[in-house]
C-alpha cells in the first residue's frame, strides 16, 4: 500500500474554499403580488373571495414596483391582478344580465 494521492486530487492538507454565488435580494411584495394575482385569476367566479386577492395583489404589486429588485414579478403581479379584476367585473355583469333577462322574461309569461 502506498500513500500517494490519486491524480487530480488536492495534496493532503490543502484547503478548498467554495463560495456560494451571490443571491440578489428578493422583493417580498412582488412575490406576494404575483401569488395573489394568480389566486385571483383562478377564483374570479367566487362572489366575494375573488375581489380580496385581486385588490391586495394590485396594491402590493404597485408598491413592489417602487423597489429596486423583483420588478418583473411585480409587473406580473399587477397584470394578473388587473386581469382578474377585469374578468371578475365582466363575468358578474354578464351573469347579472342573464339573470335579469331571465327574470323579466319569466315576469312577462306569468
PDB file of N, CA and C in Angstrom:
ATOM      1  N   UNK A   1       0.849  -1.185   0.000  1.00  0.00           N
ATOM      2  CA  UNK A   1       0.000   0.000   0.000  1.00  0.00           C
ATOM      3  C   UNK A   1       0.883   1.231   0.000  1.00  0.00           C
ATOM      4  N   UNK A   2       0.542   2.156  -0.867  1.00  0.00           N
ATOM      5  CA  UNK A   2       1.311   3.392  -0.954  1.00  0.00           C
ATOM      6  C   UNK A   2       0.461   4.546  -0.469  1.00  0.00           C
ATOM      7  N   UNK A   3       1.088   5.606  -0.063  1.00  0.00           N
ATOM      8  CA  UNK A   3       0.366   6.772   0.435  1.00  0.00           C
ATOM      9  C   UNK A   3       0.313   7.880  -0.599  1.00  0.00           C
ATOM     10  N   UNK A   4       0.389   7.507  -1.839  1.00  0.00           N
ATOM     11  CA  UNK A   4       0.328   8.507  -2.903  1.00  0.00           C
ATOM     12  C   UNK A   4      -1.123   8.975  -3.088  1.00  0.00           C
ATOM     13  N   UNK A   5      -1.262  10.226  -3.476  1.00  0.00           N
ATOM     14  CA  UNK A   5      -2.601  10.769  -3.745  1.00  0.00           C
ATOM     15  C   UNK A   5      -2.996  10.437  -5.170  1.00  0.00           C
ATOM     16  N   UNK A   6      -4.274  10.183  -5.412  1.00  0.00           N
ATOM     17  CA  UNK A   6      -4.700   9.887  -6.782  1.00  0.00           C
ATOM     18  C   UNK A   6      -4.516  11.116  -7.680  1.00  0.00           C
ATOM     19  N   UNK A   7      -4.408  10.901  -8.976  1.00  0.00           N
ATOM     20  CA  UNK A   7      -4.218  12.041  -9.892  1.00  0.00           C
ATOM     21  C   UNK A   7      -5.434  12.976  -9.853  1.00  0.00           C
ATOM     22  N   UNK A   8      -5.196  14.275  -9.811  1.00  0.00           N
ATOM     23  CA  UNK A   8      -6.259  15.268  -9.808  1.00  0.00           C
ATOM     24  C   UNK A   8      -6.764  15.614  -8.430  1.00  0.00           C
ATOM     25  N   UNK A   9      -6.368  14.883  -7.416  1.00  0.00           N
ATOM     26  CA  UNK A   9      -6.812  15.163  -6.053  1.00  0.00           C
ATOM     27  C   UNK A   9      -5.891  16.213  -5.445  1.00  0.00           C
ATOM     28  N   UNK A  10      -6.428  17.043  -4.582  1.00  0.00           N
ATOM     29  CA  UNK A  10      -5.561  18.051  -3.955  1.00  0.00           C
ATOM     30  C   UNK A  10      -4.588  17.380  -2.998  1.00  0.00           C
ATOM     31  N   UNK A  11      -3.444  17.977  -2.837  1.00  0.00           N
ATOM     32  CA  UNK A  11      -2.489  17.398  -1.900  1.00  0.00           C
ATOM     33  C   UNK A  11      -3.053  17.422  -0.482  1.00  0.00           C
ATOM     34  N   UNK A  12      -2.651  16.522   0.356  1.00  0.00           N
ATOM     35  CA  UNK A  12      -3.177  16.482   1.715  1.00  0.00           C
ATOM     36  C   UNK A  12      -2.883  17.789   2.449  1.00  0.00           C
ATOM     37  N   UNK A  13      -3.879  18.235   3.213  1.00  0.00           N
ATOM     38  CA  UNK A  13      -3.708  19.448   3.991  1.00  0.00           C
ATOM     39  C   UNK A  13      -4.069  20.721   3.249  1.00  0.00           C
ATOM     40  N   UNK A  14      -4.423  20.632   1.993  1.00  0.00           N
ATOM     41  CA  UNK A  14      -4.787  21.841   1.244  1.00  0.00           C
ATOM     42  C   UNK A  14      -6.249  22.163   1.496  1.00  0.00           C
ATOM     43  N   UNK A  15      -6.551  23.436   1.722  1.00  0.00           N
ATOM     44  CA  UNK A  15      -7.910  23.885   1.977  1.00  0.00           C
ATOM     45  C   UNK A  15      -8.568  24.294   0.665  1.00  0.00           C
ATOM     46  N   UNK A  16      -9.806  23.844   0.479  1.00  0.00           N
ATOM     47  CA  UNK A  16     -10.566  24.207  -0.717  1.00  0.00           C
ATOM     48  C   UNK A  16     -11.690  25.135  -0.278  1.00  0.00           C
ATOM     49  N   UNK A  17     -11.693  26.331  -0.800  1.00  0.00           N
ATOM     50  CA  UNK A  17     -12.748  27.296  -0.486  1.00  0.00           C
ATOM     51  C   UNK A  17     -13.747  27.353  -1.634  1.00  0.00           C
ATOM     52  N   UNK A  18     -15.000  27.095  -1.320  1.00  0.00           N
ATOM     53  CA  UNK A  18     -16.066  27.170  -2.324  1.00  0.00           C
ATOM     54  C   UNK A  18     -17.009  28.276  -1.895  1.00  0.00           C
ATOM     55  N   UNK A  19     -17.159  29.252  -2.749  1.00  0.00           N
ATOM     56  CA  UNK A  19     -18.037  30.369  -2.425  1.00  0.00           C
ATOM     57  C   UNK A  19     -19.367  30.194  -3.137  1.00  0.00           C
ATOM     58  N   UNK A  20     -20.434  30.454  -2.390  1.00  0.00           N
ATOM     59  CA  UNK A  20     -21.772  30.385  -2.984  1.00  0.00           C
ATOM     60  C   UNK A  20     -21.974  31.616  -3.879  1.00  0.00           C
ATOM     61  N   UNK A  21     -22.696  31.446  -4.971  1.00  0.00           N
ATOM     62  CA  UNK A  21     -22.950  32.615  -5.829  1.00  0.00           C
ATOM     63  C   UNK A  21     -23.787  33.647  -5.083  1.00  0.00           C
ATOM     64  N   UNK A  22     -23.578  34.891  -5.447  1.00  0.00           N
ATOM     65  CA  UNK A  22     -24.301  35.997  -4.825  1.00  0.00           C
ATOM     66  C   UNK A  22     -25.771  35.930  -5.219  1.00  0.00           C
ATOM     67  N   UNK A  23     -26.643  35.921  -4.235  1.00  0.00           N
ATOM     68  CA  UNK A  23     -28.088  35.891  -4.492  1.00  0.00           C
ATOM     69  C   UNK A  23     -28.640  37.312  -4.395  1.00  0.00           C
ATOM     70  N   UNK A  24     -29.389  37.710  -5.406  1.00  0.00           N
ATOM     71  CA  UNK A  24     -29.982  39.041  -5.369  1.00  0.00           C
ATOM     72  C   UNK A  24     -31.053  39.083  -4.295  1.00  0.00           C
ATOM     73  N   UNK A  25     -31.208  40.241  -3.661  1.00  0.00           N
ATOM     74  CA  UNK A  25     -32.257  40.340  -2.640  1.00  0.00           C
ATOM     75  C   UNK A  25     -33.636  40.150  -3.254  1.00  0.00           C
ATOM     76  N   UNK A  26     -34.499  39.505  -2.511  1.00  0.00           N
ATOM     77  CA  UNK A  26     -35.846  39.226  -3.003  1.00  0.00           C
ATOM     78  C   UNK A  26     -36.764  40.409  -2.704  1.00  0.00           C
ATOM     79  N   UNK A  27     -37.786  40.550  -3.508  1.00  0.00           N
ATOM     80  CA  UNK A  27     -38.807  41.570  -3.303  1.00  0.00           C
ATOM     81  C   UNK A  27     -40.059  40.837  -2.836  1.00  0.00           C
ATOM     82  N   UNK A  28     -40.253  40.790  -1.531  1.00  0.00           N
ATOM     83  CA  UNK A  28     -41.373  40.051  -0.960  1.00  0.00           C
ATOM     84  C   UNK A  28     -42.722  40.580  -1.415  1.00  0.00           C
ATOM     85  N   UNK A  29     -42.818  41.892  -1.621  1.00  0.00           N
ATOM     86  CA  UNK A  29     -44.079  42.464  -2.088  1.00  0.00           C
ATOM     87  C   UNK A  29     -44.410  41.984  -3.499  1.00  0.00           C
ATOM     88  N   UNK A  30     -43.388  41.869  -4.339  1.00  0.00           N
ATOM     89  CA  UNK A  30     -43.609  41.393  -5.703  1.00  0.00           C
ATOM     90  C   UNK A  30     -44.038  39.931  -5.709  1.00  0.00           C
ATOM     91  N   UNK A  31     -43.413  39.123  -4.869  1.00  0.00           N
ATOM     92  CA  UNK A  31     -43.782  37.706  -4.785  1.00  0.00           C
ATOM     93  C   UNK A  31     -45.223  37.567  -4.293  1.00  0.00           C
ATOM     94  N   UNK A  32     -45.559  38.319  -3.246  1.00  0.00           N
ATOM     95  CA  UNK A  32     -46.924  38.271  -2.711  1.00  0.00           C
ATOM     96  C   UNK A  32     -47.928  38.740  -3.755  1.00  0.00           C
ATOM     97  N   UNK A  33     -47.580  39.769  -4.506  1.00  0.00           N
ATOM     98  CA  UNK A  33     -48.464  40.283  -5.544  1.00  0.00           C
ATOM     99  C   UNK A  33     -48.712  39.238  -6.625  1.00  0.00           C
ATOM    100  N   UNK A  34     -47.656  38.563  -7.039  1.00  0.00           N
ATOM    101  CA  UNK A  34     -47.800  37.535  -8.072  1.00  0.00           C
ATOM    102  C   UNK A  34     -48.645  36.371  -7.575  1.00  0.00           C
ATOM    103  N   UNK A  35     -48.402  35.924  -6.361  1.00  0.00           N
ATOM    104  CA  UNK A  35     -49.179  34.815  -5.799  1.00  0.00           C
ATOM    105  C   UNK A  35     -50.654  35.197  -5.686  1.00  0.00           C
ATOM    106  N   UNK A  36     -50.932  36.388  -5.154  1.00  0.00           N
ATOM    107  CA  UNK A  36     -52.319  36.835  -5.017  1.00  0.00           C
ATOM    108  C   UNK A  36     -52.984  37.040  -6.383  1.00  0.00           C
ATOM    109  N   UNK A  37     -52.222  37.526  -7.345  1.00  0.00           N
ATOM    110  CA  UNK A  37     -52.772  37.699  -8.695  1.00  0.00           C
ATOM    111  C   UNK A  37     -53.165  36.379  -9.329  1.00  0.00           C
ATOM    112  N   UNK A  38     -52.325  35.369  -9.152  1.00  0.00           N
ATOM    113  CA  UNK A  38     -52.647  34.044  -9.710  1.00  0.00           C
ATOM    114  C   UNK A  38     -53.857  33.456  -8.990  1.00  0.00           C
ATOM    115  N   UNK A  39     -53.909  33.602  -7.676  1.00  0.00           N
ATOM    116  CA  UNK A  39     -55.077  33.120  -6.930  1.00  0.00           C
ATOM    117  C   UNK A  39     -56.337  33.836  -7.404  1.00  0.00           C
ATOM    118  N   UNK A  40     -56.241  35.137  -7.622  1.00  0.00           N
ATOM    119  CA  UNK A  40     -57.398  35.918  -8.060  1.00  0.00           C
ATOM    120  C   UNK A  40     -57.879  35.494  -9.446  1.00  0.00           C
ATOM    121  N   UNK A  41     -56.944  35.144 -10.324  1.00  0.00           N
ATOM    122  CA  UNK A  41     -57.334  34.695 -11.673  1.00  0.00           C
ATOM    123  C   UNK A  41     -58.159  33.414 -11.591  1.00  0.00           C
ATOM    124  N   UNK A  42     -57.784  32.528 -10.669  1.00  0.00           N
ATOM    125  CA  UNK A  42     -58.488  31.253 -10.565  1.00  0.00           C
ATOM    126  C   UNK A  42     -59.736  31.302  -9.686  1.00  0.00           C
ATOM    127  N   UNK A  43     -59.934  32.383  -8.935  1.00  0.00           N
ATOM    128  CA  UNK A  43     -61.105  32.471  -8.064  1.00  0.00           C
ATOM    129  C   UNK A  43     -62.032  33.620  -8.459  1.00  0.00           C
ATOM    130  N   UNK A  44     -61.982  34.066  -9.709  1.00  0.00           N
ATOM    131  CA  UNK A  44     -62.801  35.208 -10.119  1.00  0.00           C
ATOM    132  C   UNK A  44     -64.293  34.905 -10.040  1.00  0.00           C
ATOM    133  N   UNK A  45     -64.688  33.668 -10.143  1.00  0.00           N
ATOM    134  CA  UNK A  45     -66.105  33.301 -10.187  1.00  0.00           C
ATOM    135  C   UNK A  45     -66.724  33.194  -8.803  1.00  0.00           C
ATOM    136  N   UNK A  46     -65.917  33.191  -7.747  1.00  0.00           N
ATOM    137  CA  UNK A  46     -66.439  33.124  -6.380  1.00  0.00           C
ATOM    138  C   UNK A  46     -66.883  34.526  -5.973  1.00  0.00           C
ATOM    139  N   UNK A  47     -68.118  34.704  -5.499  1.00  0.00           N
ATOM    140  CA  UNK A  47     -68.684  36.044  -5.320  1.00  0.00           C
ATOM    141  C   UNK A  47     -67.830  37.031  -4.530  1.00  0.00           C
ATOM    142  N   UNK A  48     -67.364  36.700  -3.342  1.00  0.00           N
ATOM    143  CA  UNK A  48     -66.640  37.696  -2.552  1.00  0.00           C
ATOM    144  C   UNK A  48     -65.154  37.407  -2.445  1.00  0.00           C
ATOM    145  N   UNK A  49     -64.770  36.175  -2.642  1.00  0.00           N
ATOM    146  CA  UNK A  49     -63.374  35.799  -2.468  1.00  0.00           C
ATOM    147  C   UNK A  49     -62.478  36.379  -3.557  1.00  0.00           C
ATOM    148  N   UNK A  50     -62.955  36.494  -4.757  1.00  0.00           N
ATOM    149  CA  UNK A  50     -62.117  36.952  -5.863  1.00  0.00           C
ATOM    150  C   UNK A  50     -61.673  38.397  -5.764  1.00  0.00           C
ATOM    151  N   UNK A  51     -62.431  39.238  -5.099  1.00  0.00           N
ATOM    152  CA  UNK A  51     -62.074  40.662  -5.007  1.00  0.00           C
ATOM    153  C   UNK A  51     -60.870  40.873  -4.100  1.00  0.00           C
ATOM    154  N   UNK A  52     -60.830  40.151  -3.002  1.00  0.00           N
ATOM    155  CA  UNK A  52     -59.806  40.401  -1.982  1.00  0.00           C
ATOM    156  C   UNK A  52     -58.394  40.141  -2.514  1.00  0.00           C
ATOM    157  N   UNK A  53     -58.088  38.961  -3.058  1.00  0.00           N
ATOM    158  CA  UNK A  53     -56.720  38.769  -3.550  1.00  0.00           C
ATOM    159  C   UNK A  53     -56.388  39.658  -4.739  1.00  0.00           C
ATOM    160  N   UNK A  54     -57.376  39.975  -5.574  1.00  0.00           N
ATOM    161  CA  UNK A  54     -57.091  40.820  -6.735  1.00  0.00           C
ATOM    162  C   UNK A  54     -56.715  42.236  -6.300  1.00  0.00           C
ATOM    163  N   UNK A  55     -57.464  42.790  -5.376  1.00  0.00           N
ATOM    164  CA  UNK A  55     -57.165  44.146  -4.912  1.00  0.00           C
ATOM    165  C   UNK A  55     -55.859  44.194  -4.118  1.00  0.00           C
ATOM    166  N   UNK A  56     -55.659  43.207  -3.238  1.00  0.00           N
ATOM    167  CA  UNK A  56     -54.408  43.167  -2.478  1.00  0.00           C
ATOM    168  C   UNK A  56     -53.202  42.960  -3.407  1.00  0.00           C
ATOM    169  N   UNK A  57     -53.356  42.075  -4.392  1.00  0.00           N
ATOM    170  CA  UNK A  57     -52.266  41.839  -5.336  1.00  0.00           C
ATOM    171  C   UNK A  57     -51.942  43.068  -6.152  1.00  0.00           C
ATOM    172  N   UNK A  58     -52.956  43.824  -6.530  1.00  0.00           N
ATOM    173  CA  UNK A  58     -52.737  45.041  -7.292  1.00  0.00           C
ATOM    174  C   UNK A  58     -51.992  46.081  -6.461  1.00  0.00           C
ATOM    175  N   UNK A  59     -52.420  46.272  -5.227  1.00  0.00           N
ATOM    176  CA  UNK A  59     -51.766  47.250  -4.353  1.00  0.00           C
ATOM    177  C   UNK A  59     -50.327  46.829  -4.045  1.00  0.00           C
ATOM    178  N   UNK A  60     -50.130  45.563  -3.678  1.00  0.00           N
ATOM    179  CA  UNK A  60     -48.775  45.100  -3.363  1.00  0.00           C
ATOM    180  C   UNK A  60     -47.863  45.161  -4.588  1.00  0.00           C
ATOM    181  N   UNK A  61     -48.404  44.877  -5.763  1.00  0.00           N
ATOM    182  CA  UNK A  61     -47.603  44.956  -6.979  1.00  0.00           C
ATOM    183  C   UNK A  61     -47.191  46.381  -7.300  1.00  0.00           C
ATOM    184  N   UNK A  62     -48.096  47.322  -7.099  1.00  0.00           N
ATOM    185  CA  UNK A  62     -47.758  48.722  -7.365  1.00  0.00           C
ATOM    186  C   UNK A  62     -46.719  49.234  -6.371  1.00  0.00           C
ATOM    187  N   UNK A  63     -46.823  48.803  -5.124  1.00  0.00           N
ATOM    188  CA  UNK A  63     -45.807  49.184  -4.138  1.00  0.00           C
ATOM    189  C   UNK A  63     -44.484  48.472  -4.448  1.00  0.00           C
ATOM    190  N   UNK A  64     -44.556  47.214  -4.874  1.00  0.00           N
ATOM    191  CA  UNK A  64     -43.355  46.457  -5.219  1.00  0.00           C
ATOM    192  C   UNK A  64     -42.622  47.014  -6.423  1.00  0.00           C
ATOM    193  N   UNK A  65     -43.316  47.711  -7.292  1.00  0.00           N
ATOM    194  CA  UNK A  65     -42.668  48.340  -8.448  1.00  0.00           C
ATOM    195  C   UNK A  65     -41.726  49.464  -8.020  1.00  0.00           C
ATOM    196  N   UNK A  66     -41.925  50.011  -6.852  1.00  0.00           N
ATOM    197  CA  UNK A  66     -41.081  51.105  -6.374  1.00  0.00           C
ATOM    198  C   UNK A  66     -39.736  50.614  -5.841  1.00  0.00           C
ATOM    199  N   UNK A  67     -39.604  49.311  -5.615  1.00  0.00           N
ATOM    200  CA  UNK A  67     -38.356  48.766  -5.091  1.00  0.00           C
ATOM    201  C   UNK A  67     -37.412  48.420  -6.232  1.00  0.00           C
ATOM    202  N   UNK A  68     -36.134  48.295  -5.894  1.00  0.00           N
ATOM    203  CA  UNK A  68     -35.104  48.116  -6.918  1.00  0.00           C
ATOM    204  C   UNK A  68     -35.086  46.710  -7.515  1.00  0.00           C
ATOM    205  N   UNK A  69     -35.389  45.703  -6.721  1.00  0.00           N
ATOM    206  CA  UNK A  69     -35.281  44.319  -7.202  1.00  0.00           C
ATOM    207  C   UNK A  69     -36.665  43.707  -7.349  1.00  0.00           C
ATOM    208  N   UNK A  70     -36.779  42.735  -8.235  1.00  0.00           N
ATOM    209  CA  UNK A  70     -38.026  41.997  -8.392  1.00  0.00           C
ATOM    210  C   UNK A  70     -39.092  42.738  -9.167  1.00  0.00           C
ATOM    211  N   UNK A  71     -38.692  43.658 -10.025  1.00  0.00           N
ATOM    212  CA  UNK A  71     -39.677  44.429 -10.778  1.00  0.00           C
ATOM    213  C   UNK A  71     -40.460  43.556 -11.750  1.00  0.00           C
ATOM    214  N   UNK A  72     -39.843  42.523 -12.287  1.00  0.00           N
ATOM    215  CA  UNK A  72     -40.543  41.644 -13.214  1.00  0.00           C
ATOM    216  C   UNK A  72     -41.695  40.916 -12.546  1.00  0.00           C
ATOM    217  N   UNK A  73     -41.446  40.432 -11.337  1.00  0.00           N
ATOM    218  CA  UNK A  73     -42.518  39.762 -10.600  1.00  0.00           C
ATOM    219  C   UNK A  73     -43.597  40.758 -10.190  1.00  0.00           C
ATOM    220  N   UNK A  74     -43.208  41.975  -9.871  1.00  0.00           N
ATOM    221  CA  UNK A  74     -44.200  42.992  -9.506  1.00  0.00           C
ATOM    222  C   UNK A  74     -45.083  43.329 -10.705  1.00  0.00           C
ATOM    223  N   UNK A  75     -44.479  43.443 -11.872  1.00  0.00           N
ATOM    224  CA  UNK A  75     -45.267  43.708 -13.084  1.00  0.00           C
ATOM    225  C   UNK A  75     -46.206  42.544 -13.363  1.00  0.00           C
ATOM    226  N   UNK A  76     -45.710  41.319 -13.222  1.00  0.00           N
ATOM    227  CA  UNK A  76     -46.559  40.148 -13.447  1.00  0.00           C
ATOM    228  C   UNK A  76     -47.706  40.106 -12.438  1.00  0.00           C
ATOM    229  N   UNK A  77     -47.441  40.481 -11.200  1.00  0.00           N
ATOM    230  CA  UNK A  77     -48.492  40.517 -10.189  1.00  0.00           C
ATOM    231  C   UNK A  77     -49.543  41.566 -10.492  1.00  0.00           C
ATOM    232  N   UNK A  78     -49.105  42.738 -10.955  1.00  0.00           N
ATOM    233  CA  UNK A  78     -50.054  43.795 -11.322  1.00  0.00           C
ATOM    234  C   UNK A  78     -50.900  43.356 -12.508  1.00  0.00           C
ATOM    235  N   UNK A  79     -50.264  42.728 -13.494  1.00  0.00           N
ATOM    236  CA  UNK A  79     -51.001  42.272 -14.680  1.00  0.00           C
ATOM    237  C   UNK A  79     -52.011  41.190 -14.314  1.00  0.00           C
ATOM    238  N   UNK A  80     -51.590  40.205 -13.529  1.00  0.00           N
ATOM    239  CA  UNK A  80     -52.511  39.129 -13.124  1.00  0.00           C
ATOM    240  C   UNK A  80     -53.660  39.675 -12.290  1.00  0.00           C
ATOM    241  N   UNK A  81     -53.362  40.565 -11.353  1.00  0.00           N
ATOM    242  CA  UNK A  81     -54.412  41.128 -10.505  1.00  0.00           C
ATOM    243  C   UNK A  81     -55.363  41.998 -11.313  1.00  0.00           C
ATOM    244  N   UNK A  82     -54.823  42.824 -12.200  1.00  0.00           N
ATOM    245  CA  UNK A  82     -55.671  43.659 -13.046  1.00  0.00           C
ATOM    246  C   UNK A  82     -56.532  42.827 -13.977  1.00  0.00           C
ATOM    247  N   UNK A  83     -55.944  41.792 -14.560  1.00  0.00           N
ATOM    248  CA  UNK A  83     -56.702  40.900 -15.433  1.00  0.00           C
ATOM    249  C   UNK A  83     -57.816  40.208 -14.653  1.00  0.00           C
ATOM    250  N   UNK A  84     -57.514  39.778 -13.439  1.00  0.00           N
ATOM    251  CA  UNK A  84     -58.536  39.127 -12.604  1.00  0.00           C
ATOM    252  C   UNK A  84     -59.678  40.091 -12.293  1.00  0.00           C
ATOM    253  N   UNK A  85     -59.355  41.355 -12.017  1.00  0.00           N
ATOM    254  CA  UNK A  85     -60.410  42.335 -11.742  1.00  0.00           C
ATOM    255  C   UNK A  85     -61.285  42.577 -12.967  1.00  0.00           C
ATOM    256  N   UNK A  86     -60.655  42.708 -14.130  1.00  0.00           N
ATOM    257  CA  UNK A  86     -61.421  42.930 -15.363  1.00  0.00           C
ATOM    258  C   UNK A  86     -62.315  41.734 -15.658  1.00  0.00           C
ATOM    259  N   UNK A  87     -61.773  40.531 -15.554  1.00  0.00           N
ATOM    260  CA  UNK A  87     -62.557  39.325 -15.828  1.00  0.00           C
ATOM    261  C   UNK A  87     -63.675  39.186 -14.807  1.00  0.00           C
ATOM    262  N   UNK A  88     -63.402  39.510 -13.544  1.00  0.00           N
ATOM    263  CA  UNK A  88     -64.430  39.404 -12.499  1.00  0.00           C
ATOM    264  C   UNK A  88     -65.578  40.361 -12.778  1.00  0.00           C
ATOM    265  N   UNK A  89     -65.271  41.600 -13.106  1.00  0.00           N
ATOM    266  CA  UNK A  89     -66.330  42.575 -13.399  1.00  0.00           C
ATOM    267  C   UNK A  89     -67.131  42.130 -14.617  1.00  0.00           C
ATOM    268  N   UNK A  90     -66.440  41.714 -15.672  1.00  0.00           N
ATOM    269  CA  UNK A  90     -67.130  41.270 -16.890  1.00  0.00           C
ATOM    270  C   UNK A  90     -68.011  40.053 -16.591  1.00  0.00           C
ATOM    271  N   UNK A  91     -67.489  39.088 -15.853  1.00  0.00           N
ATOM    272  CA  UNK A  91     -68.228  37.871 -15.528  1.00  0.00           C
ATOM    273  C   UNK A  91     -69.512  38.189 -14.776  1.00  0.00           C
ATOM    274  N   UNK A  92     -69.420  39.048 -13.753  1.00  0.00           N
ATOM    275  CA  UNK A  92     -70.596  39.340 -12.948  1.00  0.00           C
ATOM    276  C   UNK A  92     -71.590  40.235 -13.677  1.00  0.00           C
ATOM    277  N   UNK A  93     -71.136  41.114 -14.554  1.00  0.00           N
ATOM    278  CA  UNK A  93     -72.068  41.915 -15.359  1.00  0.00           C
ATOM    279  C   UNK A  93     -72.847  41.007 -16.307  1.00  0.00           C
ATOM    280  N   UNK A  94     -72.142  40.100 -16.949  1.00  0.00           N
ATOM    281  CA  UNK A  94     -72.811  39.167 -17.862  1.00  0.00           C
ATOM    282  C   UNK A  94     -73.764  38.257 -17.090  1.00  0.00           C
ATOM    283  N   UNK A  95     -73.335  37.750 -15.955  1.00  0.00           N
ATOM    284  CA  UNK A  95     -74.177  36.860 -15.172  1.00  0.00           C
ATOM    285  C   UNK A  95     -75.435  37.579 -14.678  1.00  0.00           C
ATOM    286  N   UNK A  96     -75.273  38.792 -14.179  1.00  0.00           N
ATOM    287  CA  UNK A  96     -76.447  39.551 -13.733  1.00  0.00           C
ATOM    288  C   UNK A  96     -77.349  39.923 -14.906  1.00  0.00           C
ATOM    289  N   UNK A  97     -76.773  40.174 -16.069  1.00  0.00           N
ATOM    290  CA  UNK A  97     -77.583  40.441 -17.253  1.00  0.00           C
ATOM    291  C   UNK A  97     -78.413  39.232 -17.655  1.00  0.00           C
ATOM    292  N   UNK A  98     -77.804  38.062 -17.566  1.00  0.00           N
ATOM    293  CA  UNK A  98     -78.536  36.834 -17.893  1.00  0.00           C
ATOM    294  C   UNK A  98     -79.665  36.605 -16.896  1.00  0.00           C
ATOM    295  N   UNK A  99     -79.360  36.778 -15.603  1.00  0.00           N
ATOM    296  CA  UNK A  99     -80.405  36.600 -14.590  1.00  0.00           C
ATOM    297  C   UNK A  99     -81.509  37.639 -14.747  1.00  0.00           C
ATOM    298  N   UNK A 100     -81.137  38.882 -15.063  1.00  0.00           N
ATOM    299  CA  UNK A 100     -82.143  39.928 -15.258  1.00  0.00           C
ATOM    300  C   UNK A 100     -83.022  39.645 -16.455  1.00  0.00           C
ATOM    301  N   UNK A 101     -82.425  39.170 -17.543  1.00  0.00           N
ATOM    302  CA  UNK A 101     -83.208  38.837 -18.730  1.00  0.00           C
ATOM    303  C   UNK A 101     -84.137  37.659 -18.451  1.00  0.00           C
ATOM    304  N   UNK A 102     -83.648  36.682 -17.717  1.00  0.00           N
ATOM    305  CA  UNK A 102     -84.481  35.526 -17.385  1.00  0.00           C
ATOM    306  C   UNK A 102     -85.626  35.943 -16.473  1.00  0.00           C
ATOM    307  N   UNK A 103     -85.362  36.842 -15.532  1.00  0.00           N
ATOM    308  CA  UNK A 103     -86.418  37.292 -14.618  1.00  0.00           C
ATOM    309  C   UNK A 103     -87.470  38.114 -15.353  1.00  0.00           C
ATOM    310  N   UNK A 104     -87.042  38.981 -16.257  1.00  0.00           N
ATOM    311  CA  UNK A 104     -88.035  39.781 -16.989  1.00  0.00           C
ATOM    312  C   UNK A 104     -88.817  38.906 -17.973  1.00  0.00           C
ATOM    313  N   UNK A 105     -88.179  37.923 -18.527  1.00  0.00           N
ATOM    314  CA  UNK A 105     -88.869  37.002 -19.430  1.00  0.00           C
ATOM    315  C   UNK A 105     -89.908  36.171 -18.648  1.00  0.00           C
ATOM    316  N   UNK A 106     -89.546  35.745 -17.444  1.00  0.00           N
ATOM    317  CA  UNK A 106     -90.459  34.973 -16.621  1.00  0.00           C
ATOM    318  C   UNK A 106     -91.622  35.836 -16.147  1.00  0.00           C
ATOM    319  N   UNK A 107     -91.364  37.110 -15.883  1.00  0.00           N
ATOM    320  CA  UNK A 107     -92.423  38.006 -15.418  1.00  0.00           C
ATOM    321  C   UNK A 107     -93.429  38.293 -16.540  1.00  0.00           C
ATOM    322  N   UNK A 108     -92.994  38.289 -17.772  1.00  0.00           N
ATOM    323  CA  UNK A 108     -93.890  38.554 -18.899  1.00  0.00           C
ATOM    324  C   UNK A 108     -94.824  37.371 -19.145  1.00  0.00           C
ATOM    325  N   UNK A 109     -94.415  36.185 -18.785  1.00  0.00           N
ATOM    326  CA  UNK A 109     -95.219  34.992 -19.060  1.00  0.00           C
ATOM    327  C   UNK A 109     -96.024  34.522 -17.860  1.00  0.00           C
ATOM    328  N   UNK A 110     -96.132  35.325 -16.838  1.00  0.00           N
ATOM    329  CA  UNK A 110     -96.917  34.943 -15.656  1.00  0.00           C
ATOM    330  C   UNK A 110     -98.335  35.373 -15.803  1.00  0.00           C
TER     331      UNK A 110
END
